[in-house]
Protein backbone atom coordinates (compact mmCIF):
# COMPACT_ATOMS: atom_id res chain seq x y z
CA MET A 1 25.28 7.75 -5.50
CA ARG A 2 21.86 9.44 -5.87
CA ILE A 3 18.95 7.00 -5.66
CA LEU A 4 15.40 7.89 -6.54
CA ILE A 5 13.11 6.13 -4.02
CA VAL A 6 9.50 5.45 -5.41
CA ASN A 7 6.81 4.38 -2.89
CA ALA A 8 3.46 3.91 -4.32
CA GLY A 9 0.64 3.35 -2.14
CA SER A 10 -3.19 2.38 -2.71
CA SER A 11 -3.95 5.93 -3.00
CA SER A 12 -0.66 7.94 -2.29
CA LEU A 13 2.63 8.59 -3.85
CA LYS A 14 5.96 9.21 -1.92
CA LEU A 15 9.01 10.21 -3.70
CA SER A 16 12.68 10.93 -2.26
CA LEU A 17 16.03 11.46 -3.44
CA ARG A 18 18.91 10.23 -1.40
CA GLU A 19 22.56 10.91 -1.55
CA GLY A 20 24.30 7.96 0.51
CA ASP A 21 22.51 7.79 3.68
CA ARG A 22 21.10 11.33 3.50
CA GLU A 23 17.69 12.23 2.05
CA VAL A 24 18.12 15.33 0.05
CA ALA A 25 14.61 15.78 -1.14
CA ALA A 26 11.09 14.29 -0.60
CA THR A 27 7.42 14.95 -1.75
CA THR A 28 4.39 13.09 -1.08
CA VAL A 29 1.15 13.13 -3.17
CA GLU A 30 -1.73 12.37 -0.91
CA ARG A 31 -4.09 11.54 -4.05
CA TRP A 32 -2.42 9.88 -6.89
CA GLU A 33 -4.39 8.31 -9.47
CA GLY A 34 -1.95 5.58 -10.60
CA ASP A 35 -1.54 4.93 -14.33
CA GLY A 36 -1.90 7.90 -16.66
CA HIS A 37 -1.16 10.59 -13.50
CA ASP A 38 2.65 11.22 -14.49
CA SER A 39 2.86 14.86 -13.51
CA PRO A 40 3.84 14.30 -10.04
CA ILE A 41 6.63 11.84 -10.83
CA ARG A 42 7.87 13.99 -13.84
CA ASP A 43 8.01 17.23 -11.86
CA PHE A 44 10.00 15.85 -9.20
CA ILE A 45 12.34 14.23 -11.65
CA GLU A 46 12.68 17.46 -13.57
CA GLN A 47 13.16 19.71 -10.36
CA HIS A 48 16.15 17.22 -8.83
CA PRO A 49 19.50 15.86 -10.07
CA THR A 50 19.17 12.64 -12.26
CA PRO A 51 19.42 9.56 -10.21
CA ASP A 52 22.03 7.00 -10.52
CA LEU A 53 19.37 4.41 -9.47
CA VAL A 54 15.77 3.99 -8.68
CA GLY A 55 14.05 1.78 -6.11
CA HIS A 56 10.56 0.89 -5.83
CA ARG A 57 8.46 -0.40 -3.06
CA VAL A 58 6.21 -3.27 -4.37
CA VAL A 59 3.65 -4.58 -1.83
CA HIS A 60 3.63 -8.25 -3.08
CA GLY A 61 6.04 -10.00 -4.75
CA GLY A 62 4.04 -13.46 -4.80
CA PRO A 63 5.67 -16.72 -4.29
CA ARG A 64 8.53 -15.91 -7.08
CA PHE A 65 10.34 -12.73 -5.64
CA ARG A 66 12.00 -13.50 -2.60
CA GLU A 67 14.86 -10.76 -2.96
CA PRO A 68 14.84 -7.41 -4.81
CA VAL A 69 15.15 -7.79 -8.39
CA LEU A 70 16.36 -5.56 -11.44
CA VAL A 71 13.38 -4.73 -13.17
CA ASP A 72 13.04 -5.46 -16.93
CA ASP A 73 10.17 -6.40 -19.24
CA GLU A 74 9.81 -9.95 -17.89
CA VAL A 75 9.50 -8.71 -14.56
CA LEU A 76 6.99 -6.17 -14.94
CA ASP A 77 4.89 -8.95 -16.84
CA HIS A 78 5.20 -11.07 -14.21
CA LEU A 79 3.91 -8.59 -11.44
CA ASP A 80 1.02 -7.76 -13.90
CA SER A 81 0.06 -11.48 -13.54
CA ILE A 82 -0.19 -11.46 -10.05
CA THR A 83 -2.14 -8.51 -9.54
CA ASN A 84 -5.07 -10.22 -8.16
CA LEU A 85 -2.62 -10.93 -4.93
CA ALA A 86 -2.71 -7.05 -4.24
CA PRO A 87 -5.36 -5.54 -6.40
CA LEU A 88 -4.95 -2.12 -4.41
CA HIS A 89 -1.19 -1.90 -4.50
CA ASN A 90 0.76 -3.75 -7.33
CA PRO A 91 -1.07 -1.79 -10.06
CA ARG A 92 0.06 1.45 -8.78
CA ALA A 93 3.51 0.11 -8.27
CA THR A 94 3.71 -0.99 -11.75
CA ALA A 95 2.19 2.20 -13.06
CA ALA A 96 5.20 4.00 -11.16
CA ILE A 97 7.75 1.70 -12.52
CA ARG A 98 6.62 2.41 -16.20
CA GLU A 99 6.40 5.86 -15.78
CA VAL A 100 9.94 6.16 -14.45
CA ARG A 101 11.39 3.85 -16.59
CA ARG A 102 10.18 6.19 -19.53
CA LEU A 103 11.49 9.12 -17.94
CA LEU A 104 14.71 7.69 -16.78
CA PRO A 105 15.70 4.97 -19.40
CA ASN A 106 19.10 4.53 -18.50
CA ALA A 107 18.77 4.30 -14.59
CA PRO A 108 18.55 0.86 -13.59
CA ALA A 109 15.39 0.09 -11.41
CA VAL A 110 14.88 -2.42 -8.80
CA ALA A 111 11.43 -3.70 -7.14
CA CYS A 112 11.92 -4.12 -3.52
CA PHE A 113 9.23 -6.37 -2.03
CA ASP A 114 7.25 -5.89 1.30
CA THR A 115 6.68 -9.84 0.95
CA ALA A 116 10.62 -10.61 0.53
CA PHE A 117 11.60 -10.44 4.32
CA HIS A 118 9.02 -13.04 5.17
CA ALA A 119 10.18 -15.36 2.18
CA THR A 120 12.25 -17.19 5.03
CA LEU A 121 9.23 -18.40 7.12
CA PRO A 122 9.82 -22.21 7.67
CA PRO A 123 6.91 -24.23 6.05
CA ALA A 124 5.57 -24.98 9.62
CA ALA A 125 5.00 -21.11 9.82
CA SER A 126 3.87 -20.30 6.22
CA THR A 127 1.59 -23.28 5.35
CA TYR A 128 -2.15 -23.36 5.51
CA ALA A 129 -3.77 -26.39 6.77
CA LEU A 130 -5.87 -26.69 3.46
CA PRO A 131 -5.82 -29.39 0.83
CA LYS A 132 -2.52 -29.37 -0.53
CA GLU A 133 -4.01 -29.31 -4.16
CA TRP A 134 -5.56 -25.91 -3.16
CA ASN A 135 -2.34 -24.45 -1.63
CA GLU A 136 -0.50 -25.45 -5.03
CA ARG A 137 -3.01 -24.58 -7.43
CA TRP A 138 -3.71 -21.00 -5.92
CA GLN A 139 -0.10 -20.34 -4.20
CA LEU A 140 -2.05 -20.09 -0.73
CA ARG A 141 0.53 -19.42 1.84
CA ARG A 142 1.45 -16.83 4.60
CA TYR A 143 3.12 -14.20 2.67
CA GLY A 144 3.39 -11.38 5.29
CA PHE A 145 3.56 -7.53 4.94
CA HIS A 146 5.42 -4.62 6.08
CA GLY A 147 8.68 -6.66 5.50
CA LEU A 148 10.57 -3.50 4.46
CA SER A 149 9.72 -1.61 7.65
CA HIS A 150 10.42 -4.58 9.70
CA ALA A 151 13.73 -5.26 8.05
CA TYR A 152 15.03 -1.76 8.93
CA ALA A 153 13.71 -1.86 12.31
CA VAL A 154 15.21 -4.76 13.66
CA ARG A 155 18.37 -3.77 12.05
CA ARG A 156 18.51 -0.42 13.48
CA ALA A 157 17.12 -1.78 16.97
CA ALA A 158 19.98 -4.11 17.03
CA GLU A 159 22.65 -1.37 16.45
CA MET A 160 20.88 0.57 19.16
CA VAL A 161 21.56 -1.89 21.64
CA GLY A 162 25.02 -2.78 20.50
CA GLN A 163 24.13 -6.52 19.77
CA ASP A 164 24.41 -8.56 16.67
CA LEU A 165 21.11 -9.22 15.16
CA HIS A 166 21.74 -12.74 14.25
CA GLU A 167 22.46 -13.58 17.81
CA MET A 168 19.20 -12.28 19.11
CA ARG A 169 15.51 -13.09 19.18
CA VAL A 170 13.24 -10.37 18.37
CA VAL A 171 9.55 -9.41 17.99
CA SER A 172 9.25 -6.18 15.81
CA CYS A 173 5.96 -4.26 16.04
CA HIS A 174 4.82 -2.19 13.10
CA LEU A 175 1.99 -0.43 14.45
CA GLY A 176 0.16 2.08 12.16
CA ALA A 177 -3.36 2.19 10.73
CA GLY A 178 -2.22 -1.14 9.17
CA ALA A 179 -0.36 -3.08 11.77
CA SER A 180 1.59 -6.44 12.07
CA LEU A 181 4.31 -8.29 14.11
CA ALA A 182 7.39 -10.41 13.08
CA ALA A 183 9.26 -12.89 14.85
CA VAL A 184 13.06 -12.59 13.86
CA ARG A 185 15.67 -15.36 14.67
CA ASP A 186 19.13 -15.51 13.70
CA GLY A 187 18.24 -12.04 11.77
CA ARG A 188 15.53 -13.98 9.70
CA SER A 189 11.81 -13.75 9.69
CA VAL A 190 10.48 -16.90 10.95
CA ASP A 191 6.75 -15.90 11.95
CA THR A 192 4.52 -12.81 11.23
CA THR A 193 0.77 -11.98 12.10
CA MET A 194 -0.54 -11.06 8.50
CA GLY A 195 -1.07 -13.75 6.30
CA PHE A 196 -2.18 -14.55 2.57
CA THR A 197 -3.51 -10.90 2.82
CA PRO A 198 -2.79 -8.07 4.92
CA LEU A 199 -6.45 -8.59 6.58
CA ALA A 200 -5.07 -11.15 9.10
CA GLY A 201 -3.46 -10.57 12.43
CA LEU A 202 -3.68 -7.47 14.60
CA VAL A 203 -6.78 -5.30 14.93
CA MET A 204 -6.44 -2.25 12.86
CA ALA A 205 -7.71 1.00 12.29
CA THR A 206 -10.23 -0.10 9.93
CA ARG A 207 -9.30 -3.72 9.28
CA SER A 208 -10.88 -6.37 11.55
CA GLY A 209 -7.58 -8.51 11.77
CA SER A 210 -8.05 -12.16 12.03
CA VAL A 211 -11.66 -13.45 12.45
CA ASP A 212 -13.40 -16.74 12.84
CA PRO A 213 -13.58 -18.03 9.02
CA GLY A 214 -16.67 -20.11 10.02
CA MET A 215 -18.41 -16.65 11.14
CA VAL A 216 -17.58 -15.45 7.56
CA LEU A 217 -19.33 -18.26 6.08
CA TRP A 218 -22.17 -17.95 8.52
CA LEU A 219 -22.65 -14.29 7.53
CA ILE A 220 -22.69 -15.03 3.74
CA GLN A 221 -25.31 -17.94 4.31
CA ASN A 222 -27.26 -16.56 7.16
CA GLY A 223 -26.78 -12.77 7.30
CA ASP A 224 -27.80 -11.88 3.31
CA LEU A 225 -24.37 -10.47 2.79
CA THR A 226 -22.59 -10.79 -0.59
CA ALA A 227 -18.77 -11.45 -0.59
CA ALA A 228 -18.22 -8.07 -1.81
CA GLN A 229 -19.88 -6.43 1.06
CA LEU A 230 -18.13 -8.53 3.49
CA SER A 231 -14.86 -7.64 1.87
CA ASP A 232 -15.63 -3.87 2.17
CA VAL A 233 -16.72 -4.10 5.77
CA LEU A 234 -13.72 -6.23 6.80
CA GLU A 235 -11.37 -3.87 5.02
CA HIS A 236 -12.70 -0.53 5.42
CA HIS A 237 -15.41 -0.44 8.20
CA SER A 238 -14.09 -2.95 10.92
CA GLY A 239 -11.24 -2.65 13.58
CA MET A 240 -11.12 0.24 15.81
CA LYS A 241 -13.34 2.13 13.52
CA GLY A 242 -16.18 -0.39 13.39
CA LEU A 243 -15.99 -0.88 17.26
CA SER A 244 -15.40 2.93 18.31
CA GLY A 245 -17.81 4.56 15.61
CA THR A 246 -14.91 6.90 15.07
CA SER A 247 -12.57 7.16 11.92
CA GLY A 248 -10.53 4.28 13.43
CA ASP A 249 -7.34 6.56 13.96
CA LEU A 250 -5.93 6.05 17.42
CA ARG A 251 -5.88 9.27 18.30
CA ASP A 252 -9.61 9.70 17.60
CA VAL A 253 -10.35 6.66 19.55
CA LEU A 254 -8.43 7.99 22.55
CA ALA A 255 -9.98 11.37 22.23
CA GLU A 256 -13.59 9.57 22.12
CA ARG A 257 -12.41 7.57 25.14
CA GLU A 258 -11.60 10.50 27.08
CA THR A 259 -15.06 11.72 26.84
CA GLY A 260 -16.26 8.57 28.49
CA SER A 261 -17.30 6.38 25.24
CA PRO A 262 -17.65 2.77 26.28
CA ASP A 263 -17.58 1.96 22.58
CA ALA A 264 -14.19 3.95 22.17
CA ALA A 265 -12.76 2.26 25.60
CA LEU A 266 -13.79 -1.31 24.18
CA ALA A 267 -12.21 -0.74 20.94
CA TYR A 268 -8.92 0.24 22.36
CA ASP A 269 -9.07 -2.17 24.84
CA VAL A 270 -9.59 -4.99 22.11
CA PHE A 271 -6.70 -3.60 20.37
CA ILE A 272 -4.42 -3.86 23.28
CA HIS A 273 -5.32 -7.20 23.87
CA HIS A 274 -4.73 -8.47 20.60
CA LEU A 275 -1.43 -6.67 20.41
CA ARG A 276 -0.10 -8.44 23.66
CA ARG A 277 -1.55 -11.98 22.73
CA GLU A 278 0.23 -11.88 19.39
CA ILE A 279 3.57 -10.65 20.80
CA GLY A 280 3.40 -13.60 23.01
CA ALA A 281 2.78 -15.87 20.20
CA MET A 282 5.51 -14.21 18.10
CA ALA A 283 7.89 -14.58 21.17
CA ALA A 284 7.11 -18.27 21.11
CA SER A 285 7.67 -18.56 17.49
CA ALA A 286 11.22 -16.98 18.00
CA GLN A 287 12.02 -19.09 20.86
CA GLY A 288 12.30 -16.63 23.28
CA LEU A 289 12.68 -12.76 23.47
CA ASP A 290 15.66 -10.51 23.95
CA LEU A 291 14.46 -7.48 22.06
CA LEU A 292 11.33 -5.87 21.34
CA VAL A 293 10.82 -3.26 18.60
CA LEU A 294 8.16 -0.48 17.99
CA THR A 295 7.85 1.33 14.83
CA GLY A 296 5.27 2.98 12.75
CA GLY A 297 2.99 5.96 13.49
CA ILE A 298 1.36 4.36 16.70
CA GLY A 299 4.64 2.47 17.89
CA GLU A 300 6.64 5.75 17.47
CA HIS A 301 3.97 8.23 18.72
CA SER A 302 1.84 6.52 21.39
CA PRO A 303 3.21 6.41 24.96
CA ASP A 304 -0.23 4.96 25.90
CA VAL A 305 -0.06 1.86 23.61
CA ARG A 306 3.56 1.29 24.67
CA ARG A 307 2.58 1.57 28.22
CA ASP A 308 -0.64 -0.56 28.18
CA MET A 309 1.00 -3.01 25.66
CA ALA A 310 3.78 -3.50 28.42
CA SER A 311 1.39 -3.87 31.35
CA GLY A 312 0.98 -7.51 31.09
CA LEU A 313 3.87 -8.72 29.40
CA GLU A 314 6.20 -8.53 32.69
CA HIS A 315 6.28 -12.55 32.48
CA LEU A 316 8.56 -12.16 29.44
CA GLY A 317 10.84 -10.09 31.01
CA LEU A 318 9.51 -6.90 29.33
CA TRP A 319 9.61 -3.64 31.51
CA ILE A 320 9.65 -0.05 30.18
CA ASP A 321 10.86 3.03 31.92
CA GLN A 322 7.76 5.39 32.04
CA ASP A 323 9.60 8.41 31.83
CA ALA A 324 11.71 7.37 28.92
CA ASN A 325 8.31 6.05 27.23
CA GLU A 326 6.65 9.45 27.87
CA SER A 327 9.55 11.58 26.46
CA ALA A 328 10.32 9.08 23.65
CA ARG A 329 11.53 10.92 20.47
CA GLY A 330 12.95 9.12 17.53
CA ASP A 331 15.13 6.19 18.14
CA THR A 332 14.87 5.64 21.66
CA ASP A 333 15.67 2.85 24.26
CA ILE A 334 12.55 2.66 26.51
CA SER A 335 13.74 -0.32 28.53
CA ALA A 336 13.48 0.00 32.30
CA PRO A 337 16.85 -0.86 34.47
CA ASN A 338 15.33 -4.23 35.55
CA ALA A 339 13.98 -5.37 32.34
CA THR A 340 15.76 -8.70 30.69
CA VAL A 341 14.33 -7.81 27.59
CA ARG A 342 15.09 -4.67 25.85
CA THR A 343 12.37 -2.51 24.07
CA VAL A 344 13.06 0.33 21.81
CA VAL A 345 11.46 2.67 19.75
CA VAL A 346 12.72 3.16 16.12
CA LYS A 347 11.66 5.64 13.53
CA ALA A 348 10.20 4.08 10.69
CA SER A 349 12.28 4.28 7.28
CA GLU A 350 11.20 2.05 4.55
CA GLU A 351 13.11 4.54 2.34
CA SER A 352 16.44 3.57 3.81
CA GLU A 353 15.51 0.02 3.39
CA ILE A 354 14.38 0.43 -0.19
CA ALA A 355 17.84 2.21 -0.69
CA ARG A 356 19.62 -0.64 0.88
CA GLU A 357 18.09 -3.27 -1.13
CA THR A 358 18.46 -0.90 -4.37
CA VAL A 359 22.27 -0.81 -4.01
CA ARG A 360 22.42 -4.70 -3.30
CA ALA A 361 20.62 -5.59 -6.35
CA ALA A 362 21.90 -2.84 -9.08
CA PRO A 363 24.40 -3.76 -11.21
CA LEU A 364 26.94 -1.18 -10.26
């Protein structure tokens, strides 16, 4: 079975063709304009065999879509109606869905949602302590994101350590320019660091992560800042970028730290502090910890972050083997022999998870 995977980001487009578990073709368009920019999709489809199914990544499913869903006109209309929940991502996803449907009218298409993995959060974890009327009127809740990455990573990690995921307490760390953690118990997400939006939680490359909402109100009232200005700064000019004066890319932060920059050193320390703290919080939500999973660009490729993260979490039973940590490439168990918690690095594969969910939801 051939499956076309369409991953539309806020500015990029990733396309891949899979046959079974094997990727046979892939391309990335770094600057994709969305609606009307149809040539990359058309060219990829024309250059490769016709797929049997199409799987689309959609960042936000809102409160309605808790599972992958077969796309029809009514589904698309609903996705249009919740654009304000993910204004940078969802319009790109629906533009890609419409274009692929036009080019491949006979191939069933499935929308796979980053928020769906966290639809299992218990009410105590998903509910904000706001007036009930507000939560109901505006559908306010902790949605969580990176669900496709977390879902694949925890399942693959359980395979690597030879244990049943449904019998483990797991903390999954998706660490990249955007970053989030998930607490997984009995194979289900029970807590996560991102919230109503992807701005909450960990310190990220350019996003602040969680900050005091009272401080945000104070800045509006006393700092001569508009809501639009604050939104731009919190999303694009904060995090490690705002603290270090670099691009916010971890590699740039580490390079600047090596030159003796106190700002870059502080940015890195703040990032690590929040990462350690939130791992502890997620372990509490999982009611213990058996397995720690690291994925995403930083999780996979930064031995510095893995080493410094683990230093300070020994009380949880987490110890890593430094030689294994330094040499880790791809899926690797980096646990020390004396560790009671296994720590593994998993190569991110949202495409694998999208393919799996597409097959599960398609009428074939």
